[in-house]
Amino acid sequence: MGARESSPAVIEWRCYYHVPSLGLWGVLVALLVLVKPNRRAQAWLIWLPVLAVPLGWSMLARLLFFSAETAEFLGGFLTALAASWAAVWLLAPWLARRRILAGLALAMVTMLVVGGVYYASVYEFRSLGGPEILSVLHVVGALTLLVATVLGAYRCRNAYQPRRFLAWLLLWMTVAPVIGLPLIVLVTLVSTSIGSEGLPGLIEFVSLAAMALISSLIGGAVLGVALYLLNLPFLFLAMRNPFYRTRFQDALRLTPAPAGALSAAANTGDVPQLELVMATLAKEPAAHD
């Protein structure tokens, strides 16, 4: 408004304000430095998929003509989720020694903590719907990545092949948010309606619930595809780099299929032979290590 209309305001600004996500990158650096299995040069390659996610989103947002506010909001969500997923990869040797359910729970806690560090340092939770949107998106995204990865690995545990795993992962990563997001929306809608003073009528509630479920089904499918694309750089790193390939297979208890026998059976269409190879792998996994 100018000096005539208002008094000058003094704003304190420090150099590190230019990097609001510094806390998030500090967490990843700490995991690389403090966790003993990560004290190798190859471990730092985890930065490649983490940085590929915001870069790819920036290009896609420009291509789809998203507004700056929407692009920044969704880009922050994807960046936080990618960094949270990277933290799980960096802690994989420690998580692999736990039982499956315990490992899943600890991985989920890790992703929530790392995501919370990012949101606390970057966003004002009062904007764009408050903490509810960010919390729900991050929880659903983290849970989908973990559950879909475990289920995909379970289907390939005795005869792991990258293409087969990617196919199962796409299926589970699409199905999980399509089922989970509508349930979360429905529970939230019911709890909000019960907690409100004036309960809506039956017809109004059913119509509102139907619209919410339809939109969440569409949103769940879109979210599943987005999470699959977000996970591809990490999987590409695991398939190309021996350090992360070993970590990936050990954490998910995957036994690689013998290349010669399995590919020959698949190419000839010999289903009984293919089943025999897989049955042999299931009985004698140690012989193919």
C-alpha atoms as a PDB file:
ATOM      1  CA  MET A   1       0.000   0.000   0.000  1.00  0.00           C
ATOM      2  CA  GLY A   2       3.001   2.269   0.262  1.00  0.00           C
ATOM      3  CA  ALA A   3       4.482   4.320   3.098  1.00  0.00           C
ATOM      4  CA  ARG A   4       1.643   6.881   2.986  1.00  0.00           C
ATOM      5  CA  GLU A   5      -1.110   4.317   3.558  1.00  0.00           C
ATOM      6  CA  SER A   6       0.592   2.031   6.064  1.00  0.00           C
ATOM      7  CA  SER A   7       3.659   1.750   8.239  1.00  0.00           C
ATOM      8  CA  PRO A   8       6.666  -0.260   6.995  1.00  0.00           C
ATOM      9  CA  ALA A   9       6.859  -3.917   8.003  1.00  0.00           C
ATOM     10  CA  VAL A  10      10.112  -5.625   8.932  1.00  0.00           C
ATOM     11  CA  ILE A  11      10.414  -9.267   7.853  1.00  0.00           C
ATOM     12  CA  GLU A  12      13.300 -11.389   9.084  1.00  0.00           C
ATOM     13  CA  TRP A  13      14.663 -13.638   6.335  1.00  0.00           C
ATOM     14  CA  ARG A  14      17.423 -16.191   6.613  1.00  0.00           C
ATOM     15  CA  CYS A  15      19.376 -17.891   3.849  1.00  0.00           C
ATOM     16  CA  TYR A  16      18.078 -21.393   4.591  1.00  0.00           C
ATOM     17  CA  TYR A  17      14.494 -20.236   3.966  1.00  0.00           C
ATOM     18  CA  HIS A  18      15.292 -20.640   0.260  1.00  0.00           C
ATOM     19  CA  VAL A  19      15.397 -24.419   0.797  1.00  0.00           C
ATOM     20  CA  PRO A  20      12.191 -25.178   2.747  1.00  0.00           C
ATOM     21  CA  SER A  21      12.571 -28.938   2.270  1.00  0.00           C
ATOM     22  CA  LEU A  22      16.035 -28.960   3.835  1.00  0.00           C
ATOM     23  CA  GLY A  23      14.784 -31.081   6.730  1.00  0.00           C
ATOM     24  CA  LEU A  24      13.654 -33.820   4.356  1.00  0.00           C
ATOM     25  CA  TRP A  25      16.985 -34.018   2.548  1.00  0.00           C
ATOM     26  CA  GLY A  26      18.734 -33.954   5.925  1.00  0.00           C
ATOM     27  CA  VAL A  27      16.833 -37.101   6.954  1.00  0.00           C
ATOM     28  CA  LEU A  28      17.954 -38.955   3.825  1.00  0.00           C
ATOM     29  CA  VAL A  29      21.563 -37.839   4.255  1.00  0.00           C
ATOM     30  CA  ALA A  30      21.454 -38.981   7.886  1.00  0.00           C
ATOM     31  CA  LEU A  31      20.205 -42.422   6.824  1.00  0.00           C
ATOM     32  CA  LEU A  32      23.000 -42.657   4.263  1.00  0.00           C
ATOM     33  CA  VAL A  33      25.677 -41.655   6.749  1.00  0.00           C
ATOM     34  CA  LEU A  34      24.503 -43.204  10.023  1.00  0.00           C
ATOM     35  CA  VAL A  35      23.133 -46.565   8.821  1.00  0.00           C
ATOM     36  CA  LYS A  36      26.162 -48.834   8.439  1.00  0.00           C
ATOM     37  CA  PRO A  37      24.999 -50.864   5.371  1.00  0.00           C
ATOM     38  CA  ASN A  38      24.529 -47.561   3.515  1.00  0.00           C
ATOM     39  CA  ARG A  39      28.137 -46.415   3.925  1.00  0.00           C
ATOM     40  CA  ARG A  40      28.959 -47.237   0.320  1.00  0.00           C
ATOM     41  CA  ALA A  41      29.155 -45.078  -2.751  1.00  0.00           C
ATOM     42  CA  GLN A  42      26.433 -47.085  -4.508  1.00  0.00           C
ATOM     43  CA  ALA A  43      23.945 -46.306  -1.761  1.00  0.00           C
ATOM     44  CA  TRP A  44      23.925 -42.651  -2.832  1.00  0.00           C
ATOM     45  CA  LEU A  45      22.322 -43.683  -6.127  1.00  0.00           C
ATOM     46  CA  ILE A  46      18.997 -43.566  -4.262  1.00  0.00           C
ATOM     47  CA  TRP A  47      19.013 -39.838  -5.032  1.00  0.00           C
ATOM     48  CA  LEU A  48      18.421 -40.592  -8.724  1.00  0.00           C
ATOM     49  CA  PRO A  49      14.818 -41.894  -8.355  1.00  0.00           C
ATOM     50  CA  VAL A  50      14.059 -39.372  -5.604  1.00  0.00           C
ATOM     51  CA  LEU A  51      15.016 -36.451  -7.857  1.00  0.00           C
ATOM     52  CA  ALA A  52      13.447 -38.056 -10.927  1.00  0.00           C
ATOM     53  CA  VAL A  53       9.970 -37.872  -9.364  1.00  0.00           C
ATOM     54  CA  PRO A  54       9.695 -34.054  -8.967  1.00  0.00           C
ATOM     55  CA  LEU A  55      11.471 -33.552 -12.291  1.00  0.00           C
ATOM     56  CA  GLY A  56       9.045 -35.843 -14.103  1.00  0.00           C
ATOM     57  CA  TRP A  57       6.075 -34.247 -12.362  1.00  0.00           C
ATOM     58  CA  SER A  58       7.245 -30.767 -13.330  1.00  0.00           C
ATOM     59  CA  MET A  59       7.344 -31.782 -16.995  1.00  0.00           C
ATOM     60  CA  LEU A  60       3.945 -33.502 -16.784  1.00  0.00           C
ATOM     61  CA  ALA A  61       2.316 -30.549 -15.009  1.00  0.00           C
ATOM     62  CA  ARG A  62       3.456 -28.204 -17.766  1.00  0.00           C
ATOM     63  CA  LEU A  63       2.232 -30.626 -20.408  1.00  0.00           C
ATOM     64  CA  LEU A  64      -1.223 -30.844 -18.788  1.00  0.00           C
ATOM     65  CA  PHE A  65      -1.381 -27.075 -18.114  1.00  0.00           C
ATOM     66  CA  PHE A  66      -1.940 -27.402 -14.369  1.00  0.00           C
ATOM     67  CA  SER A  67      -2.110 -24.192 -12.397  1.00  0.00           C
ATOM     68  CA  ALA A  68       0.967 -23.243 -10.390  1.00  0.00           C
ATOM     69  CA  GLU A  69      -0.865 -23.830  -7.093  1.00  0.00           C
ATOM     70  CA  THR A  70      -2.099 -27.309  -8.090  1.00  0.00           C
ATOM     71  CA  ALA A  71       1.272 -28.291  -9.525  1.00  0.00           C
ATOM     72  CA  GLU A  72       3.068 -27.195  -6.357  1.00  0.00           C
ATOM     73  CA  PHE A  73       0.611 -28.985  -4.080  1.00  0.00           C
ATOM     74  CA  LEU A  74       0.654 -32.315  -5.934  1.00  0.00           C
ATOM     75  CA  GLY A  75       4.387 -32.016  -6.570  1.00  0.00           C
ATOM     76  CA  GLY A  76       4.999 -31.647  -2.853  1.00  0.00           C
ATOM     77  CA  PHE A  77       2.897 -34.722  -2.137  1.00  0.00           C
ATOM     78  CA  LEU A  78       4.815 -36.798  -4.708  1.00  0.00           C
ATOM     79  CA  THR A  79       8.182 -35.512  -3.473  1.00  0.00           C
ATOM     80  CA  ALA A  80       7.332 -36.347   0.135  1.00  0.00           C
ATOM     81  CA  LEU A  81       6.139 -39.806  -0.856  1.00  0.00           C
ATOM     82  CA  ALA A  82       9.232 -40.484  -2.990  1.00  0.00           C
ATOM     83  CA  ALA A  83      11.558 -39.422  -0.165  1.00  0.00           C
ATOM     84  CA  SER A  84       9.571 -41.538   2.306  1.00  0.00           C
ATOM     85  CA  TRP A  85       9.847 -44.530  -0.010  1.00  0.00           C
ATOM     86  CA  ALA A  86      13.594 -43.910  -0.360  1.00  0.00           C
ATOM     87  CA  ALA A  87      13.899 -43.979   3.433  1.00  0.00           C
ATOM     88  CA  VAL A  88      12.308 -47.448   3.455  1.00  0.00           C
ATOM     89  CA  TRP A  89      14.832 -48.621   0.852  1.00  0.00           C
ATOM     90  CA  LEU A  90      17.677 -47.249   2.952  1.00  0.00           C
ATOM     91  CA  LEU A  91      16.360 -49.089   6.012  1.00  0.00           C
ATOM     92  CA  ALA A  92      15.620 -52.310   4.084  1.00  0.00           C
ATOM     93  CA  PRO A  93      18.447 -54.394   5.646  1.00  0.00           C
ATOM     94  CA  TRP A  94      17.116 -53.599   9.114  1.00  0.00           C
ATOM     95  CA  LEU A  95      13.471 -54.124   8.125  1.00  0.00           C
ATOM     96  CA  ALA A  96      14.257 -57.430   6.382  1.00  0.00           C
ATOM     97  CA  ARG A  97      15.260 -59.021   9.708  1.00  0.00           C
ATOM     98  CA  ARG A  98      11.765 -58.477  11.111  1.00  0.00           C
ATOM     99  CA  ARG A  99       8.649 -60.526  10.538  1.00  0.00           C
ATOM    100  CA  ILE A 100       6.523 -59.430   7.612  1.00  0.00           C
ATOM    101  CA  LEU A 101       3.822 -57.669   9.631  1.00  0.00           C
ATOM    102  CA  ALA A 102       6.359 -56.027  11.937  1.00  0.00           C
ATOM    103  CA  GLY A 103       8.425 -54.928   8.964  1.00  0.00           C
ATOM    104  CA  LEU A 104       5.346 -53.468   7.270  1.00  0.00           C
ATOM    105  CA  ALA A 105       4.378 -51.583  10.409  1.00  0.00           C
ATOM    106  CA  LEU A 106       7.876 -50.161  10.890  1.00  0.00           C
ATOM    107  CA  ALA A 107       8.093 -49.202   7.213  1.00  0.00           C
ATOM    108  CA  MET A 108       4.735 -47.441   7.483  1.00  0.00           C
ATOM    109  CA  VAL A 109       5.900 -45.525  10.548  1.00  0.00           C
ATOM    110  CA  THR A 110       9.067 -44.545   8.679  1.00  0.00           C
ATOM    111  CA  MET A 111       7.097 -43.183   5.735  1.00  0.00           C
ATOM    112  CA  LEU A 112       4.746 -41.235   7.978  1.00  0.00           C
ATOM    113  CA  VAL A 113       7.621 -39.698   9.948  1.00  0.00           C
ATOM    114  CA  VAL A 114       9.583 -38.678   6.854  1.00  0.00           C
ATOM    115  CA  GLY A 115       6.454 -37.305   5.204  1.00  0.00           C
ATOM    116  CA  GLY A 116       5.606 -35.379   8.361  1.00  0.00           C
ATOM    117  CA  VAL A 117       9.056 -33.789   8.354  1.00  0.00           C
ATOM    118  CA  TYR A 118       8.501 -32.565   4.808  1.00  0.00           C
ATOM    119  CA  TYR A 119       4.995 -31.212   5.332  1.00  0.00           C
ATOM    120  CA  ALA A 120       5.944 -29.512   8.583  1.00  0.00           C
ATOM    121  CA  SER A 121       8.843 -27.687   6.925  1.00  0.00           C
ATOM    122  CA  VAL A 122       7.164 -26.738   3.641  1.00  0.00           C
ATOM    123  CA  TYR A 123       3.405 -26.391   3.875  1.00  0.00           C
ATOM    124  CA  GLU A 124       1.033 -24.369   5.956  1.00  0.00           C
ATOM    125  CA  PHE A 125      -1.559 -26.973   6.759  1.00  0.00           C
ATOM    126  CA  ARG A 126      -4.305 -24.364   6.698  1.00  0.00           C
ATOM    127  CA  SER A 127      -4.126 -24.022   2.904  1.00  0.00           C
ATOM    128  CA  LEU A 128      -5.852 -26.195   0.304  1.00  0.00           C
ATOM    129  CA  GLY A 129      -8.159 -28.049   2.649  1.00  0.00           C
ATOM    130  CA  GLY A 130      -5.992 -28.304   5.725  1.00  0.00           C
ATOM    131  CA  PRO A 131      -4.060 -31.278   7.067  1.00  0.00           C
ATOM    132  CA  GLU A 132      -6.839 -33.738   6.230  1.00  0.00           C
ATOM    133  CA  ILE A 133      -6.105 -33.878   2.494  1.00  0.00           C
ATOM    134  CA  LEU A 134      -2.347 -34.181   2.932  1.00  0.00           C
ATOM    135  CA  SER A 135      -2.662 -36.763   5.697  1.00  0.00           C
ATOM    136  CA  VAL A 136      -5.147 -38.955   3.810  1.00  0.00           C
ATOM    137  CA  LEU A 137      -3.158 -38.795   0.568  1.00  0.00           C
ATOM    138  CA  HIS A 138       0.122 -39.638   2.255  1.00  0.00           C
ATOM    139  CA  VAL A 139      -1.341 -42.484   4.331  1.00  0.00           C
ATOM    140  CA  VAL A 140      -3.121 -44.016   1.324  1.00  0.00           C
ATOM    141  CA  GLY A 141      -0.050 -43.591  -0.870  1.00  0.00           C
ATOM    142  CA  ALA A 142       2.352 -45.087   1.667  1.00  0.00           C
ATOM    143  CA  LEU A 143       0.042 -47.984   2.469  1.00  0.00           C
ATOM    144  CA  THR A 144      -0.537 -48.703  -1.220  1.00  0.00           C
ATOM    145  CA  LEU A 145       3.185 -48.772  -2.003  1.00  0.00           C
ATOM    146  CA  LEU A 146       3.921 -51.128   0.879  1.00  0.00           C
ATOM    147  CA  VAL A 147       0.981 -53.511   0.495  1.00  0.00           C
ATOM    148  CA  ALA A 148       1.171 -53.697  -3.317  1.00  0.00           C
ATOM    149  CA  THR A 149       4.918 -54.368  -3.203  1.00  0.00           C
ATOM    150  CA  VAL A 150       4.526 -57.156  -0.635  1.00  0.00           C
ATOM    151  CA  LEU A 151       1.615 -58.770  -2.503  1.00  0.00           C
ATOM    152  CA  GLY A 152       3.431 -58.548  -5.831  1.00  0.00           C
ATOM    153  CA  ALA A 153       6.524 -60.105  -4.272  1.00  0.00           C
ATOM    154  CA  TYR A 154       4.413 -62.856  -2.701  1.00  0.00           C
ATOM    155  CA  ARG A 155       3.153 -63.889  -6.122  1.00  0.00           C
ATOM    156  CA  CYS A 156       6.743 -64.059  -7.425  1.00  0.00           C
ATOM    157  CA  ARG A 157       8.556 -65.292  -4.333  1.00  0.00           C
ATOM    158  CA  ASN A 158       9.660 -68.685  -5.758  1.00  0.00           C
ATOM    159  CA  ALA A 159      10.324 -67.637  -9.352  1.00  0.00           C
ATOM    160  CA  TYR A 160      11.099 -63.938  -9.434  1.00  0.00           C
ATOM    161  CA  GLN A 161      11.259 -62.286 -12.818  1.00  0.00           C
ATOM    162  CA  PRO A 162      11.190 -58.488 -13.250  1.00  0.00           C
ATOM    163  CA  ARG A 163       8.421 -58.464 -15.877  1.00  0.00           C
ATOM    164  CA  ARG A 164       6.219 -60.800 -13.882  1.00  0.00           C
ATOM    165  CA  PHE A 165       6.725 -58.749 -10.750  1.00  0.00           C
ATOM    166  CA  LEU A 166       5.925 -55.492 -12.581  1.00  0.00           C
ATOM    167  CA  ALA A 167       2.688 -57.003 -13.919  1.00  0.00           C
ATOM    168  CA  TRP A 168       1.520 -58.133 -10.493  1.00  0.00           C
ATOM    169  CA  LEU A 169       2.619 -54.843  -8.964  1.00  0.00           C
ATOM    170  CA  LEU A 170       0.510 -52.883 -11.465  1.00  0.00           C
ATOM    171  CA  LEU A 171      -2.523 -54.995 -10.601  1.00  0.00           C
ATOM    172  CA  TRP A 172      -2.209 -54.628  -6.829  1.00  0.00           C
ATOM    173  CA  MET A 173      -1.212 -50.983  -6.992  1.00  0.00           C
ATOM    174  CA  THR A 174      -4.371 -50.208  -8.950  1.00  0.00           C
ATOM    175  CA  VAL A 175      -6.687 -52.368  -6.869  1.00  0.00           C
ATOM    176  CA  ALA A 176      -5.478 -51.229  -3.425  1.00  0.00           C
ATOM    177  CA  PRO A 177      -6.374 -47.497  -3.681  1.00  0.00           C
ATOM    178  CA  VAL A 178      -9.570 -48.269  -5.610  1.00  0.00           C
ATOM    179  CA  ILE A 179     -10.730 -50.331  -2.619  1.00  0.00           C
ATOM    180  CA  GLY A 180      -9.066 -48.396   0.191  1.00  0.00           C
ATOM    181  CA  LEU A 181      -9.851 -44.798  -0.780  1.00  0.00           C
ATOM    182  CA  PRO A 182     -13.654 -45.288  -1.050  1.00  0.00           C
ATOM    183  CA  LEU A 183     -13.667 -47.013   2.340  1.00  0.00           C
ATOM    184  CA  ILE A 184     -11.790 -44.111   3.911  1.00  0.00           C
ATOM    185  CA  VAL A 185     -14.136 -41.596   2.277  1.00  0.00           C
ATOM    186  CA  LEU A 186     -17.213 -43.544   3.381  1.00  0.00           C
ATOM    187  CA  VAL A 187     -16.003 -43.856   6.984  1.00  0.00           C
ATOM    188  CA  THR A 188     -15.111 -40.157   7.065  1.00  0.00           C
ATOM    189  CA  LEU A 189     -18.508 -39.226   5.638  1.00  0.00           C
ATOM    190  CA  VAL A 190     -20.395 -41.351   8.152  1.00  0.00           C
ATOM    191  CA  SER A 191     -18.371 -40.088  11.119  1.00  0.00           C
ATOM    192  CA  THR A 192     -18.816 -36.477   9.993  1.00  0.00           C
ATOM    193  CA  SER A 193     -22.554 -36.950   9.606  1.00  0.00           C
ATOM    194  CA  ILE A 194     -22.888 -38.563  13.044  1.00  0.00           C
ATOM    195  CA  GLY A 195     -20.800 -35.846  14.668  1.00  0.00           C
ATOM    196  CA  SER A 196     -22.777 -33.008  13.095  1.00  0.00           C
ATOM    197  CA  GLU A 197     -25.731 -31.472  14.883  1.00  0.00           C
ATOM    198  CA  GLY A 198     -28.212 -31.822  12.058  1.00  0.00           C
ATOM    199  CA  LEU A 199     -28.113 -35.239  10.404  1.00  0.00           C
ATOM    200  CA  PRO A 200     -29.022 -35.233   6.683  1.00  0.00           C
ATOM    201  CA  GLY A 201     -32.014 -37.138   5.401  1.00  0.00           C
ATOM    202  CA  LEU A 202     -31.696 -40.647   4.030  1.00  0.00           C
ATOM    203  CA  ILE A 203     -32.020 -39.645   0.375  1.00  0.00           C
ATOM    204  CA  GLU A 204     -29.592 -36.755   0.775  1.00  0.00           C
ATOM    205  CA  PHE A 205     -27.069 -38.948   2.580  1.00  0.00           C
ATOM    206  CA  VAL A 206     -27.294 -41.761  -0.010  1.00  0.00           C
ATOM    207  CA  SER A 207     -26.835 -39.336  -2.910  1.00  0.00           C
ATOM    208  CA  LEU A 208     -23.910 -37.657  -1.161  1.00  0.00           C
ATOM    209  CA  ALA A 209     -22.317 -41.021  -0.385  1.00  0.00           C
ATOM    210  CA  ALA A 210     -22.822 -42.221  -3.976  1.00  0.00           C
ATOM    211  CA  MET A 211     -21.116 -39.124  -5.411  1.00  0.00           C
ATOM    212  CA  ALA A 212     -18.273 -39.436  -2.914  1.00  0.00           C
ATOM    213  CA  LEU A 213     -17.759 -43.131  -3.703  1.00  0.00           C
ATOM    214  CA  ILE A 214     -17.789 -42.591  -7.474  1.00  0.00           C
ATOM    215  CA  SER A 215     -15.300 -39.741  -7.254  1.00  0.00           C
ATOM    216  CA  SER A 216     -13.076 -41.721  -4.882  1.00  0.00           C
ATOM    217  CA  LEU A 217     -13.155 -44.745  -7.209  1.00  0.00           C
ATOM    218  CA  ILE A 218     -11.930 -42.593 -10.086  1.00  0.00           C
ATOM    219  CA  GLY A 219      -9.428 -40.870  -7.824  1.00  0.00           C
ATOM    220  CA  GLY A 220      -8.220 -44.229  -6.514  1.00  0.00           C
ATOM    221  CA  ALA A 221      -7.528 -45.514 -10.020  1.00  0.00           C
ATOM    222  CA  VAL A 222      -5.652 -42.322 -10.922  1.00  0.00           C
ATOM    223  CA  LEU A 223      -3.704 -42.501  -7.659  1.00  0.00           C
ATOM    224  CA  GLY A 224      -2.773 -46.129  -8.289  1.00  0.00           C
ATOM    225  CA  VAL A 225      -1.354 -45.364 -11.733  1.00  0.00           C
ATOM    226  CA  ALA A 226       0.513 -42.324 -10.346  1.00  0.00           C
ATOM    227  CA  LEU A 227       2.042 -44.424  -7.555  1.00  0.00           C
ATOM    228  CA  TYR A 228       3.069 -47.099 -10.050  1.00  0.00           C
ATOM    229  CA  LEU A 229       4.866 -44.482 -12.155  1.00  0.00           C
ATOM    230  CA  LEU A 230       6.451 -43.022  -9.012  1.00  0.00           C
ATOM    231  CA  ASN A 231       7.784 -46.463  -8.085  1.00  0.00           C
ATOM    232  CA  LEU A 232       9.247 -47.256 -11.519  1.00  0.00           C
ATOM    233  CA  PRO A 233      12.506 -45.274 -11.026  1.00  0.00           C
ATOM    234  CA  PHE A 234      13.160 -47.163  -7.780  1.00  0.00           C
ATOM    235  CA  LEU A 235      12.500 -50.515  -9.459  1.00  0.00           C
ATOM    236  CA  PHE A 236      14.682 -49.562 -12.418  1.00  0.00           C
ATOM    237  CA  LEU A 237      17.494 -48.825  -9.969  1.00  0.00           C
ATOM    238  CA  ALA A 238      16.950 -52.199  -8.249  1.00  0.00           C
ATOM    239  CA  MET A 239      17.049 -54.054 -11.558  1.00  0.00           C
ATOM    240  CA  ARG A 240      20.142 -52.282 -12.876  1.00  0.00           C
ATOM    241  CA  ASN A 241      22.294 -51.832  -9.793  1.00  0.00           C
ATOM    242  CA  PRO A 242      23.694 -54.922  -7.962  1.00  0.00           C
ATOM    243  CA  PHE A 243      23.725 -53.141  -4.594  1.00  0.00           C
ATOM    244  CA  TYR A 244      20.004 -52.358  -4.619  1.00  0.00           C
ATOM    245  CA  ARG A 245      19.109 -55.546  -6.513  1.00  0.00           C
ATOM    246  CA  THR A 246      20.447 -57.646  -3.639  1.00  0.00           C
ATOM    247  CA  ARG A 247      18.739 -55.461  -1.079  1.00  0.00           C
ATOM    248  CA  PHE A 248      15.442 -55.611  -2.977  1.00  0.00           C
ATOM    249  CA  GLN A 249      15.445 -59.403  -3.292  1.00  0.00           C
ATOM    250  CA  ASP A 250      16.564 -60.000   0.290  1.00  0.00           C
ATOM    251  CA  ALA A 251      13.984 -57.660   1.794  1.00  0.00           C
ATOM    252  CA  LEU A 252      11.105 -59.229  -0.152  1.00  0.00           C
ATOM    253  CA  ARG A 253      12.399 -62.845   0.138  1.00  0.00           C
ATOM    254  CA  LEU A 254      12.529 -63.257  -3.642  1.00  0.00           C
ATOM    255  CA  THR A 255      14.196 -66.262  -5.271  1.00  0.00           C
ATOM    256  CA  PRO A 256      15.292 -65.442  -8.841  1.00  0.00           C
ATOM    257  CA  ALA A 257      14.119 -67.937 -11.449  1.00  0.00           C
ATOM    258  CA  PRO A 258      16.772 -69.854 -13.441  1.00  0.00           C
ATOM    259  CA  ALA A 259      16.993 -67.897 -16.677  1.00  0.00           C
ATOM    260  CA  GLY A 260      17.501 -70.867 -18.994  1.00  0.00           C
ATOM    261  CA  ALA A 261      14.819 -73.285 -17.801  1.00  0.00           C
ATOM    262  CA  LEU A 262      12.142 -70.717 -17.146  1.00  0.00           C
ATOM    263  CA  SER A 263      12.600 -68.781 -20.378  1.00  0.00           C
ATOM    264  CA  ALA A 264      12.671 -71.983 -22.450  1.00  0.00           C
ATOM    265  CA  ALA A 265       9.442 -73.220 -20.918  1.00  0.00           C
ATOM    266  CA  ALA A 266       7.793 -69.850 -21.367  1.00  0.00           C
ATOM    267  CA  ASN A 267       8.892 -69.465 -24.996  1.00  0.00           C
ATOM    268  CA  THR A 268       7.703 -72.928 -26.005  1.00  0.00           C
ATOM    269  CA  GLY A 269       4.418 -72.567 -24.150  1.00  0.00           C
ATOM    270  CA  ASP A 270       5.088 -75.751 -22.185  1.00  0.00           C
ATOM    271  CA  VAL A 271       2.826 -75.076 -19.210  1.00  0.00           C
ATOM    272  CA  PRO A 272       3.528 -78.385 -17.376  1.00  0.00           C
ATOM    273  CA  GLN A 273       7.268 -77.836 -17.721  1.00  0.00           C
ATOM    274  CA  LEU A 274       6.884 -74.270 -16.490  1.00  0.00           C
ATOM    275  CA  GLU A 275       4.911 -75.481 -13.493  1.00  0.00           C
ATOM    276  CA  LEU A 276       7.558 -78.149 -12.843  1.00  0.00           C
ATOM    277  CA  VAL A 277      10.338 -75.570 -12.845  1.00  0.00           C
ATOM    278  CA  MET A 278       8.427 -73.345 -10.458  1.00  0.00           C
ATOM    279  CA  ALA A 279       7.594 -76.307  -8.195  1.00  0.00           C
ATOM    280  CA  THR A 280      11.266 -77.257  -8.110  1.00  0.00           C
ATOM    281  CA  LEU A 281      12.157 -73.717  -7.151  1.00  0.00           C
ATOM    282  CA  ALA A 282       9.621 -73.789  -4.354  1.00  0.00           C
ATOM    283  CA  LYS A 283      11.114 -77.006  -2.918  1.00  0.00           C
ATOM    284  CA  GLU A 284      14.810 -76.240  -3.450  1.00  0.00           C
ATOM    285  CA  PRO A 285      15.321 -72.477  -3.365  1.00  0.00           C
ATOM    286  CA  ALA A 286      18.794 -72.823  -1.882  1.00  0.00           C
ATOM    287  CA  ALA A 287      20.086 -74.729  -4.907  1.00  0.00           C
ATOM    288  CA  HIS A 288      19.578 -71.684  -7.155  1.00  0.00           C
ATOM    289  CA  ASP A 289      21.177 -69.044  -4.947  1.00  0.00           C
END
